[in-house]
Amino acid sequence: MNYKKKALVIKNDEIFEEVKQMLNPADYEVLHLENNEKTDKTILVVEDDIDLSTAIKRKLELSGFSTIIVNSAQQALDYLQKPNEVDIVWLDHYLSGEQTGLDFMKKVKGIAHGKKDIPIIVVSSEDTLENRQLYNAFGVKRYYTKIGSRLDSIVRDIKQFLE
């Protein structure tokens, strides 16, 4: 039988364990909202790996953030050119399409709506000194490597950037 589990998000600390014990783990994944209130902050995630972007979205939303997922630099630029509210960008280096995260960085500086100063973090499998220096020259807040960074740590840093 091939089916997906249903996710159940529990926000109330008092009933989390009780509900978790009542449900069959084969049918449900019970997630706790990690004692975080919903924020009014929106994160634009630019990541082409679907499984990874799904995990990132789940973690960010469980941490109280609204999350928009796009898989290419062009989709991100298109999104930012509209009057959407984005508080921080999570950017991969290698993306779908012909443009990289660096191409996105070059172009985002020319966008209207005051978004050229939006905080950007880079989370990439590419870890060269040259790339780090180029991204830093464009003003990224932080450069993470996918292998060397934990999702919890990145989310904690994002919260600090947005305080």
C-alpha atoms as a PDB file:
ATOM      1  CA  MET A   1       0.000   0.000   0.000  1.00  0.00           C
ATOM      2  CA  ASN A   2       1.453   3.353  -1.034  1.00  0.00           C
ATOM      3  CA  TYR A   3       0.048   6.339   0.819  1.00  0.00           C
ATOM      4  CA  LYS A   4       1.339   9.359   2.639  1.00  0.00           C
ATOM      5  CA  LYS A   5       1.016   9.951   6.326  1.00  0.00           C
ATOM      6  CA  LYS A   6      -1.207  12.742   7.490  1.00  0.00           C
ATOM      7  CA  ALA A   7       0.476  15.441   9.544  1.00  0.00           C
ATOM      8  CA  LEU A   8      -1.184  16.710  12.671  1.00  0.00           C
ATOM      9  CA  VAL A   9       0.251  19.856  14.235  1.00  0.00           C
ATOM     10  CA  ILE A  10      -0.361  20.321  17.951  1.00  0.00           C
ATOM     11  CA  LYS A  11       0.099  23.801  19.387  1.00  0.00           C
ATOM     12  CA  ASN A  12      -1.050  23.126  22.944  1.00  0.00           C
ATOM     13  CA  ASP A  13       1.767  21.845  25.184  1.00  0.00           C
ATOM     14  CA  GLU A  14      -0.661  20.226  27.620  1.00  0.00           C
ATOM     15  CA  ILE A  15      -2.282  17.845  25.127  1.00  0.00           C
ATOM     16  CA  PHE A  16       0.676  17.132  22.817  1.00  0.00           C
ATOM     17  CA  GLU A  17       1.814  13.871  24.471  1.00  0.00           C
ATOM     18  CA  GLU A  18      -1.747  12.684  25.065  1.00  0.00           C
ATOM     19  CA  VAL A  19      -2.774  13.157  21.412  1.00  0.00           C
ATOM     20  CA  LYS A  20       0.474  11.622  20.186  1.00  0.00           C
ATOM     21  CA  GLN A  21      -0.206   8.442  22.181  1.00  0.00           C
ATOM     22  CA  MET A  22      -3.787   8.150  20.875  1.00  0.00           C
ATOM     23  CA  LEU A  23      -2.876   8.176  17.167  1.00  0.00           C
ATOM     24  CA  ASN A  24      -1.394   5.352  15.135  1.00  0.00           C
ATOM     25  CA  PRO A  25       2.146   6.407  14.105  1.00  0.00           C
ATOM     26  CA  ALA A  26       1.689   4.506  10.832  1.00  0.00           C
ATOM     27  CA  ASP A  27      -1.076   6.913   9.859  1.00  0.00           C
ATOM     28  CA  TYR A  28      -0.046  10.210  11.423  1.00  0.00           C
ATOM     29  CA  GLU A  29       3.082  12.211  12.034  1.00  0.00           C
ATOM     30  CA  VAL A  30       2.347  14.294  15.091  1.00  0.00           C
ATOM     31  CA  LEU A  31       4.258  17.562  15.091  1.00  0.00           C
ATOM     32  CA  HIS A  32       4.566  20.034  17.924  1.00  0.00           C
ATOM     33  CA  LEU A  33       4.650  23.749  17.147  1.00  0.00           C
ATOM     34  CA  GLU A  34       7.751  24.015  19.336  1.00  0.00           C
ATOM     35  CA  ASN A  35       6.172  26.482  21.701  1.00  0.00           C
ATOM     36  CA  ASN A  36       6.523  29.275  19.124  1.00  0.00           C
ATOM     37  CA  GLU A  37       3.825  31.741  18.330  1.00  0.00           C
ATOM     38  CA  LYS A  38       2.974  32.444  14.708  1.00  0.00           C
ATOM     39  CA  THR A  39       5.005  35.426  13.580  1.00  0.00           C
ATOM     40  CA  ASP A  40       4.168  38.008  10.962  1.00  0.00           C
ATOM     41  CA  LYS A  41       7.478  37.251   9.214  1.00  0.00           C
ATOM     42  CA  THR A  42       7.712  35.712   5.743  1.00  0.00           C
ATOM     43  CA  ILE A  43      10.704  33.818   4.399  1.00  0.00           C
ATOM     44  CA  LEU A  44      11.288  33.335   0.683  1.00  0.00           C
ATOM     45  CA  VAL A  45      13.128  30.026   0.217  1.00  0.00           C
ATOM     46  CA  VAL A  46      14.957  29.695  -3.112  1.00  0.00           C
ATOM     47  CA  GLU A  47      15.836  25.991  -3.298  1.00  0.00           C
ATOM     48  CA  ASP A  48      15.512  23.568  -6.216  1.00  0.00           C
ATOM     49  CA  ASP A  49      15.682  20.296  -4.256  1.00  0.00           C
ATOM     50  CA  ILE A  50      12.010  19.468  -3.657  1.00  0.00           C
ATOM     51  CA  ASP A  51      12.587  17.138  -0.701  1.00  0.00           C
ATOM     52  CA  LEU A  52      14.874  19.639   0.991  1.00  0.00           C
ATOM     53  CA  SER A  53      12.576  22.604   0.345  1.00  0.00           C
ATOM     54  CA  THR A  54       9.671  20.604   1.816  1.00  0.00           C
ATOM     55  CA  ALA A  55      11.682  19.920   4.973  1.00  0.00           C
ATOM     56  CA  ILE A  56      12.769  23.564   5.201  1.00  0.00           C
ATOM     57  CA  LYS A  57       9.181  24.774   4.760  1.00  0.00           C
ATOM     58  CA  ARG A  58       7.915  22.388   7.445  1.00  0.00           C
ATOM     59  CA  LYS A  59      10.598  23.466   9.932  1.00  0.00           C
ATOM     60  CA  LEU A  60      10.084  27.178   9.264  1.00  0.00           C
ATOM     61  CA  GLU A  61       6.306  26.922   9.552  1.00  0.00           C
ATOM     62  CA  LEU A  62       6.578  24.888  12.759  1.00  0.00           C
ATOM     63  CA  SER A  63       8.798  27.708  14.013  1.00  0.00           C
ATOM     64  CA  GLY A  64       6.026  30.213  13.288  1.00  0.00           C
ATOM     65  CA  PHE A  65       7.109  31.668   9.929  1.00  0.00           C
ATOM     66  CA  SER A  66       5.128  32.030   6.723  1.00  0.00           C
ATOM     67  CA  THR A  67       7.137  30.416   3.938  1.00  0.00           C
ATOM     68  CA  ILE A  68       7.173  30.851   0.157  1.00  0.00           C
ATOM     69  CA  ILE A  69       9.085  28.235  -1.875  1.00  0.00           C
ATOM     70  CA  VAL A  70      10.486  28.870  -5.357  1.00  0.00           C
ATOM     71  CA  ASN A  71      13.049  26.764  -7.232  1.00  0.00           C
ATOM     72  CA  SER A  72      14.854  29.231  -9.486  1.00  0.00           C
ATOM     73  CA  ALA A  73      16.486  32.641  -9.336  1.00  0.00           C
ATOM     74  CA  GLN A  74      14.004  33.945 -11.907  1.00  0.00           C
ATOM     75  CA  GLN A  75      10.986  32.797  -9.868  1.00  0.00           C
ATOM     76  CA  ALA A  76      12.459  34.529  -6.818  1.00  0.00           C
ATOM     77  CA  LEU A  77      13.081  37.747  -8.740  1.00  0.00           C
ATOM     78  CA  ASP A  78       9.553  37.641 -10.188  1.00  0.00           C
ATOM     79  CA  TYR A  79       8.126  37.162  -6.701  1.00  0.00           C
ATOM     80  CA  LEU A  80      10.155  40.032  -5.253  1.00  0.00           C
ATOM     81  CA  GLN A  81       9.116  42.417  -8.029  1.00  0.00           C
ATOM     82  CA  LYS A  82       5.521  42.171  -6.850  1.00  0.00           C
ATOM     83  CA  PRO A  83       4.358  44.040  -3.771  1.00  0.00           C
ATOM     84  CA  ASN A  84       4.751  40.967  -1.561  1.00  0.00           C
ATOM     85  CA  GLU A  85       6.097  41.172   1.947  1.00  0.00           C
ATOM     86  CA  VAL A  86       9.314  39.180   2.406  1.00  0.00           C
ATOM     87  CA  ASP A  87      11.423  39.593   5.514  1.00  0.00           C
ATOM     88  CA  ILE A  88      14.401  37.398   4.614  1.00  0.00           C
ATOM     89  CA  VAL A  89      15.553  35.222   1.701  1.00  0.00           C
ATOM     90  CA  TRP A  90      16.982  31.700   2.115  1.00  0.00           C
ATOM     91  CA  LEU A  91      19.086  31.178  -1.018  1.00  0.00           C
ATOM     92  CA  ASP A  92      20.817  28.130  -2.498  1.00  0.00           C
ATOM     93  CA  HIS A  93      23.748  28.591  -4.882  1.00  0.00           C
ATOM     94  CA  TYR A  94      22.831  25.944  -7.472  1.00  0.00           C
ATOM     95  CA  LEU A  95      19.263  26.381  -8.706  1.00  0.00           C
ATOM     96  CA  SER A  96      16.930  25.223 -11.461  1.00  0.00           C
ATOM     97  CA  GLY A  97      17.416  27.133 -14.691  1.00  0.00           C
ATOM     98  CA  GLU A  98      20.497  28.874 -15.954  1.00  0.00           C
ATOM     99  CA  GLN A  99      20.974  31.319 -13.084  1.00  0.00           C
ATOM    100  CA  THR A 100      22.787  30.646  -9.823  1.00  0.00           C
ATOM    101  CA  GLY A 101      22.354  32.258  -6.454  1.00  0.00           C
ATOM    102  CA  LEU A 102      25.097  34.722  -7.419  1.00  0.00           C
ATOM    103  CA  ASP A 103      23.092  35.781 -10.478  1.00  0.00           C
ATOM    104  CA  PHE A 104      20.130  36.348  -8.179  1.00  0.00           C
ATOM    105  CA  MET A 105      22.293  38.484  -5.865  1.00  0.00           C
ATOM    106  CA  LYS A 106      23.435  40.672  -8.763  1.00  0.00           C
ATOM    107  CA  LYS A 107      19.884  41.248  -9.965  1.00  0.00           C
ATOM    108  CA  VAL A 108      18.136  41.681  -6.621  1.00  0.00           C
ATOM    109  CA  LYS A 109      20.090  44.887  -6.005  1.00  0.00           C
ATOM    110  CA  GLY A 110      18.160  46.536  -8.864  1.00  0.00           C
ATOM    111  CA  ILE A 111      14.675  45.582  -7.685  1.00  0.00           C
ATOM    112  CA  ALA A 112      12.202  48.261  -6.696  1.00  0.00           C
ATOM    113  CA  HIS A 113       9.794  48.184  -3.751  1.00  0.00           C
ATOM    114  CA  GLY A 114      12.675  48.675  -1.286  1.00  0.00           C
ATOM    115  CA  LYS A 115      13.663  45.012  -1.483  1.00  0.00           C
ATOM    116  CA  LYS A 116      17.254  45.537  -2.511  1.00  0.00           C
ATOM    117  CA  ASP A 117      18.203  45.667   1.182  1.00  0.00           C
ATOM    118  CA  ILE A 118      16.341  42.511   2.175  1.00  0.00           C
ATOM    119  CA  PRO A 119      18.461  40.218   4.371  1.00  0.00           C
ATOM    120  CA  ILE A 120      19.704  37.139   2.506  1.00  0.00           C
ATOM    121  CA  ILE A 121      21.276  33.987   3.867  1.00  0.00           C
ATOM    122  CA  VAL A 122      22.945  31.439   1.602  1.00  0.00           C
ATOM    123  CA  VAL A 123      22.625  27.722   2.330  1.00  0.00           C
ATOM    124  CA  SER A 124      24.615  25.795  -0.243  1.00  0.00           C
ATOM    125  CA  SER A 125      26.511  22.592  -0.892  1.00  0.00           C
ATOM    126  CA  GLU A 126      29.138  24.766  -2.608  1.00  0.00           C
ATOM    127  CA  ASP A 127      31.800  25.754  -0.096  1.00  0.00           C
ATOM    128  CA  THR A 128      34.606  27.579  -1.867  1.00  0.00           C
ATOM    129  CA  LEU A 129      36.443  30.594  -0.540  1.00  0.00           C
ATOM    130  CA  GLU A 130      35.715  32.412  -3.797  1.00  0.00           C
ATOM    131  CA  ASN A 131      31.944  31.929  -3.476  1.00  0.00           C
ATOM    132  CA  ARG A 132      31.962  32.966   0.171  1.00  0.00           C
ATOM    133  CA  GLN A 133      33.849  36.141  -0.725  1.00  0.00           C
ATOM    134  CA  LEU A 134      31.524  36.942  -3.636  1.00  0.00           C
ATOM    135  CA  TYR A 135      28.384  36.434  -1.547  1.00  0.00           C
ATOM    136  CA  ASN A 136      29.858  38.482   1.294  1.00  0.00           C
ATOM    137  CA  ALA A 137      30.656  41.280  -1.180  1.00  0.00           C
ATOM    138  CA  PHE A 138      26.940  41.301  -2.081  1.00  0.00           C
ATOM    139  CA  GLY A 139      26.071  41.639   1.597  1.00  0.00           C
ATOM    140  CA  VAL A 140      24.674  38.241   2.574  1.00  0.00           C
ATOM    141  CA  LYS A 141      23.985  37.973   6.284  1.00  0.00           C
ATOM    142  CA  ARG A 142      25.431  34.481   6.608  1.00  0.00           C
ATOM    143  CA  TYR A 143      26.772  31.676   4.397  1.00  0.00           C
ATOM    144  CA  TYR A 144      25.989  28.116   5.512  1.00  0.00           C
ATOM    145  CA  THR A 145      27.059  24.823   4.021  1.00  0.00           C
ATOM    146  CA  LYS A 146      24.342  22.187   3.783  1.00  0.00           C
ATOM    147  CA  ILE A 147      26.580  19.451   5.107  1.00  0.00           C
ATOM    148  CA  GLY A 148      28.013  21.420   8.021  1.00  0.00           C
ATOM    149  CA  SER A 149      24.839  23.158   9.238  1.00  0.00           C
ATOM    150  CA  ARG A 150      21.838  21.981  11.203  1.00  0.00           C
ATOM    151  CA  LEU A 151      18.399  23.216  10.237  1.00  0.00           C
ATOM    152  CA  ASP A 152      17.650  24.110  13.869  1.00  0.00           C
ATOM    153  CA  SER A 153      20.724  26.359  14.017  1.00  0.00           C
ATOM    154  CA  ILE A 154      19.839  28.151  10.787  1.00  0.00           C
ATOM    155  CA  VAL A 155      16.271  28.775  11.979  1.00  0.00           C
ATOM    156  CA  ARG A 156      17.577  30.078  15.306  1.00  0.00           C
ATOM    157  CA  ASP A 157      19.882  32.487  13.417  1.00  0.00           C
ATOM    158  CA  ILE A 158      16.986  33.644  11.226  1.00  0.00           C
ATOM    159  CA  LYS A 159      14.995  34.490  14.347  1.00  0.00           C
ATOM    160  CA  GLN A 160      17.910  36.557  15.605  1.00  0.00           C
ATOM    161  CA  PHE A 161      18.285  38.376  12.251  1.00  0.00           C
ATOM    162  CA  LEU A 162      14.625  39.325  12.326  1.00  0.00           C
ATOM    163  CA  GLU A 163      14.491  40.577  15.924  1.00  0.00           C
END
